[in-house]
Amino acid sequence: KSSVALVIDQDTQEVLLSKNDHAVLPIASLTKLMTGLLISEAKLPMDEPITITQDDVDTEKFSSSRLAVGTTLTRGEMLHLALMSSENRAAHALGRTFPGGLEAFVARMNAKARLIGMTETRYVEPTRL
């Protein structure tokens, strides 16, 4: 049902699916993709339980969430929800529980952005809110 899509075989560079591939649109959630990339690269235990706390609640834009404070899921489940459902509390909890805490996670996000050539990008937290 997507209005725009482009799927390329990484080995052969063959275009497998193309739908309005020249349309210029904002990226859905580059911030959550960066969050997912860093969590994956950190090789943290995906079966480690993480609990949603009040710190993960958006008190600025009051975005909704299906994850109530007190919900405990594994890191892998939080990652899945952050990426597949754009779940803000899950993304925030992943950053909050990163070694060194949220500040270290955001610093790593910005360092990674510079490393891969995203020189105009500046992250301030892992949800995009």
C-alpha atoms as a PDB file:
ATOM      1  CA  LYS A   1       0.000   0.000   0.000  1.00  0.00           C
ATOM      2  CA  SER A   2       3.044   2.311   0.058  1.00  0.00           C
ATOM      3  CA  SER A   3       2.924   5.159  -2.421  1.00  0.00           C
ATOM      4  CA  VAL A   4       6.710   5.016  -2.889  1.00  0.00           C
ATOM      5  CA  ALA A   5       9.078   2.033  -2.750  1.00  0.00           C
ATOM      6  CA  LEU A   6      12.464   0.934  -4.041  1.00  0.00           C
ATOM      7  CA  VAL A   7      13.918  -2.508  -3.322  1.00  0.00           C
ATOM      8  CA  ILE A   8      17.362  -3.387  -4.693  1.00  0.00           C
ATOM      9  CA  ASP A   9      19.264  -6.665  -4.446  1.00  0.00           C
ATOM     10  CA  GLN A  10      22.460  -5.649  -2.609  1.00  0.00           C
ATOM     11  CA  ASP A  11      24.553  -8.297  -4.352  1.00  0.00           C
ATOM     12  CA  THR A  12      23.481  -7.752  -7.959  1.00  0.00           C
ATOM     13  CA  GLN A  13      22.124  -4.180  -7.744  1.00  0.00           C
ATOM     14  CA  GLU A  14      19.048  -5.465  -9.607  1.00  0.00           C
ATOM     15  CA  VAL A  15      15.916  -3.410  -8.933  1.00  0.00           C
ATOM     16  CA  LEU A  16      13.383  -5.860  -7.520  1.00  0.00           C
ATOM     17  CA  LEU A  17      10.555  -3.385  -6.927  1.00  0.00           C
ATOM     18  CA  SER A  18      10.127   0.199  -8.017  1.00  0.00           C
ATOM     19  CA  LYS A  19       7.109   2.375  -7.330  1.00  0.00           C
ATOM     20  CA  ASN A  20       7.348   6.174  -7.723  1.00  0.00           C
ATOM     21  CA  ASP A  21      11.040   5.822  -6.898  1.00  0.00           C
ATOM     22  CA  HIS A  22      11.870   9.386  -7.995  1.00  0.00           C
ATOM     23  CA  ALA A  23       9.346  11.031  -5.674  1.00  0.00           C
ATOM     24  CA  VAL A  24      10.960  13.354  -3.139  1.00  0.00           C
ATOM     25  CA  LEU A  25       9.551  12.723   0.330  1.00  0.00           C
ATOM     26  CA  PRO A  26      10.821  13.124   3.899  1.00  0.00           C
ATOM     27  CA  ILE A  27      12.260   9.998   5.480  1.00  0.00           C
ATOM     28  CA  ALA A  28       9.705   8.432   7.812  1.00  0.00           C
ATOM     29  CA  SER A  29      11.948   8.138  10.838  1.00  0.00           C
ATOM     30  CA  LEU A  30      15.647   8.352  10.223  1.00  0.00           C
ATOM     31  CA  THR A  31      16.086   8.871  13.945  1.00  0.00           C
ATOM     32  CA  LYS A  32      14.568   5.496  14.800  1.00  0.00           C
ATOM     33  CA  LEU A  33      16.644   3.847  12.070  1.00  0.00           C
ATOM     34  CA  MET A  34      19.777   5.310  13.663  1.00  0.00           C
ATOM     35  CA  THR A  35      18.570   4.101  17.066  1.00  0.00           C
ATOM     36  CA  GLY A  36      18.109   0.604  15.657  1.00  0.00           C
ATOM     37  CA  LEU A  37      21.486   0.633  13.947  1.00  0.00           C
ATOM     38  CA  LEU A  38      23.341   1.617  17.118  1.00  0.00           C
ATOM     39  CA  ILE A  39      21.509  -0.895  19.290  1.00  0.00           C
ATOM     40  CA  SER A  40      22.325  -3.623  16.757  1.00  0.00           C
ATOM     41  CA  GLU A  41      25.971  -2.609  16.471  1.00  0.00           C
ATOM     42  CA  ALA A  42      26.401  -2.516  20.258  1.00  0.00           C
ATOM     43  CA  LYS A  43      25.797  -6.274  20.440  1.00  0.00           C
ATOM     44  CA  LEU A  44      23.881  -5.874  23.694  1.00  0.00           C
ATOM     45  CA  PRO A  45      21.885  -8.896  24.912  1.00  0.00           C
ATOM     46  CA  MET A  46      18.576  -8.859  23.024  1.00  0.00           C
ATOM     47  CA  ASP A  47      16.951 -11.012  25.698  1.00  0.00           C
ATOM     48  CA  GLU A  48      17.682  -8.476  28.467  1.00  0.00           C
ATOM     49  CA  PRO A  49      14.458  -7.107  29.986  1.00  0.00           C
ATOM     50  CA  ILE A  50      13.828  -3.368  29.741  1.00  0.00           C
ATOM     51  CA  THR A  51      11.023  -1.640  31.631  1.00  0.00           C
ATOM     52  CA  ILE A  52       9.243   1.470  30.388  1.00  0.00           C
ATOM     53  CA  THR A  53       9.576   4.219  32.995  1.00  0.00           C
ATOM     54  CA  GLN A  54       8.147   7.706  33.390  1.00  0.00           C
ATOM     55  CA  ASP A  55      11.366   8.979  31.789  1.00  0.00           C
ATOM     56  CA  ASP A  56      10.224   7.371  28.505  1.00  0.00           C
ATOM     57  CA  VAL A  57       6.920   9.275  28.434  1.00  0.00           C
ATOM     58  CA  ASP A  58       6.751  12.179  25.978  1.00  0.00           C
ATOM     59  CA  THR A  59       5.872  15.215  28.083  1.00  0.00           C
ATOM     60  CA  GLU A  60       6.612  17.721  25.319  1.00  0.00           C
ATOM     61  CA  LYS A  61       4.337  16.672  22.440  1.00  0.00           C
ATOM     62  CA  PHE A  62       2.235  14.211  24.454  1.00  0.00           C
ATOM     63  CA  SER A  63       2.462  11.529  21.774  1.00  0.00           C
ATOM     64  CA  SER A  64       0.441   8.401  22.387  1.00  0.00           C
ATOM     65  CA  SER A  65       1.859   4.974  23.121  1.00  0.00           C
ATOM     66  CA  ARG A  66       0.602   1.453  23.590  1.00  0.00           C
ATOM     67  CA  LEU A  67       3.377   0.838  26.142  1.00  0.00           C
ATOM     68  CA  ALA A  68       2.261   1.769  29.627  1.00  0.00           C
ATOM     69  CA  VAL A  69       4.759   2.775  32.296  1.00  0.00           C
ATOM     70  CA  GLY A  70       5.797  -0.465  33.974  1.00  0.00           C
ATOM     71  CA  THR A  71       5.661  -2.570  30.794  1.00  0.00           C
ATOM     72  CA  THR A  72       8.659  -4.890  30.605  1.00  0.00           C
ATOM     73  CA  LEU A  73       9.815  -6.390  27.317  1.00  0.00           C
ATOM     74  CA  THR A  74      13.136  -7.679  26.047  1.00  0.00           C
ATOM     75  CA  ARG A  75      15.567  -5.366  24.288  1.00  0.00           C
ATOM     76  CA  GLY A  76      14.796  -7.271  21.076  1.00  0.00           C
ATOM     77  CA  GLU A  77      11.070  -6.692  21.480  1.00  0.00           C
ATOM     78  CA  MET A  78      11.655  -2.994  22.208  1.00  0.00           C
ATOM     79  CA  LEU A  79      13.801  -2.731  19.092  1.00  0.00           C
ATOM     80  CA  HIS A  80      11.129  -4.438  17.024  1.00  0.00           C
ATOM     81  CA  LEU A  81       8.448  -2.053  18.311  1.00  0.00           C
ATOM     82  CA  ALA A  82      10.629   1.011  17.788  1.00  0.00           C
ATOM     83  CA  LEU A  83      11.321   0.075  14.181  1.00  0.00           C
ATOM     84  CA  MET A  84       8.148  -1.636  13.054  1.00  0.00           C
ATOM     85  CA  SER A  85       5.553   0.385  14.980  1.00  0.00           C
ATOM     86  CA  SER A  86       7.493   3.634  15.393  1.00  0.00           C
ATOM     87  CA  GLU A  87       6.976   3.201  19.135  1.00  0.00           C
ATOM     88  CA  ASN A  88       8.519   6.257  20.806  1.00  0.00           C
ATOM     89  CA  ARG A  89       8.639   4.894  24.351  1.00  0.00           C
ATOM     90  CA  ALA A  90      10.453   1.787  23.132  1.00  0.00           C
ATOM     91  CA  ALA A  91      13.018   3.881  21.232  1.00  0.00           C
ATOM     92  CA  HIS A  92      13.571   6.129  24.246  1.00  0.00           C
ATOM     93  CA  ALA A  93      13.939   3.155  26.589  1.00  0.00           C
ATOM     94  CA  LEU A  94      16.571   1.666  24.264  1.00  0.00           C
ATOM     95  CA  GLY A  95      18.585   4.880  24.417  1.00  0.00           C
ATOM     96  CA  ARG A  96      18.058   5.307  28.164  1.00  0.00           C
ATOM     97  CA  THR A  97      19.344   1.801  28.903  1.00  0.00           C
ATOM     98  CA  PHE A  98      22.341   2.041  26.574  1.00  0.00           C
ATOM     99  CA  PRO A  99      25.725   1.754  28.354  1.00  0.00           C
ATOM    100  CA  GLY A 100      26.457   5.262  29.647  1.00  0.00           C
ATOM    101  CA  GLY A 101      22.793   6.268  29.472  1.00  0.00           C
ATOM    102  CA  LEU A 102      20.846   8.554  27.181  1.00  0.00           C
ATOM    103  CA  GLU A 103      23.539  11.220  26.918  1.00  0.00           C
ATOM    104  CA  ALA A 104      26.110   8.667  25.751  1.00  0.00           C
ATOM    105  CA  PHE A 105      23.609   7.199  23.305  1.00  0.00           C
ATOM    106  CA  VAL A 106      22.833  10.575  21.711  1.00  0.00           C
ATOM    107  CA  ALA A 107      26.556  11.350  21.477  1.00  0.00           C
ATOM    108  CA  ARG A 108      27.024   8.016  19.692  1.00  0.00           C
ATOM    109  CA  MET A 109      24.124   8.847  17.336  1.00  0.00           C
ATOM    110  CA  ASN A 110      25.778  12.127  16.357  1.00  0.00           C
ATOM    111  CA  ALA A 111      29.215  10.535  15.959  1.00  0.00           C
ATOM    112  CA  LYS A 112      27.745   7.830  13.716  1.00  0.00           C
ATOM    113  CA  ALA A 113      25.912  10.436  11.646  1.00  0.00           C
ATOM    114  CA  ARG A 114      29.172  12.302  11.015  1.00  0.00           C
ATOM    115  CA  LEU A 115      30.972   9.035  10.245  1.00  0.00           C
ATOM    116  CA  ILE A 116      28.513   8.119   7.500  1.00  0.00           C
ATOM    117  CA  GLY A 117      28.453  11.599   5.956  1.00  0.00           C
ATOM    118  CA  MET A 118      25.314  13.027   7.542  1.00  0.00           C
ATOM    119  CA  THR A 119      27.038  16.341   8.223  1.00  0.00           C
ATOM    120  CA  GLU A 120      23.805  18.368   8.446  1.00  0.00           C
ATOM    121  CA  THR A 121      22.195  16.032  10.995  1.00  0.00           C
ATOM    122  CA  ARG A 122      22.101  16.639  14.746  1.00  0.00           C
ATOM    123  CA  TYR A 123      20.316  14.241  17.069  1.00  0.00           C
ATOM    124  CA  VAL A 124      19.059  15.288  20.504  1.00  0.00           C
ATOM    125  CA  GLU A 125      17.212  12.092  21.494  1.00  0.00           C
ATOM    126  CA  PRO A 126      16.334   8.661  20.021  1.00  0.00           C
ATOM    127  CA  THR A 127      12.656   9.192  19.076  1.00  0.00           C
ATOM    128  CA  ARG A 128      12.532  12.258  16.772  1.00  0.00           C
ATOM    129  CA  LEU A 129      10.124  14.010  19.129  1.00  0.00           C
END
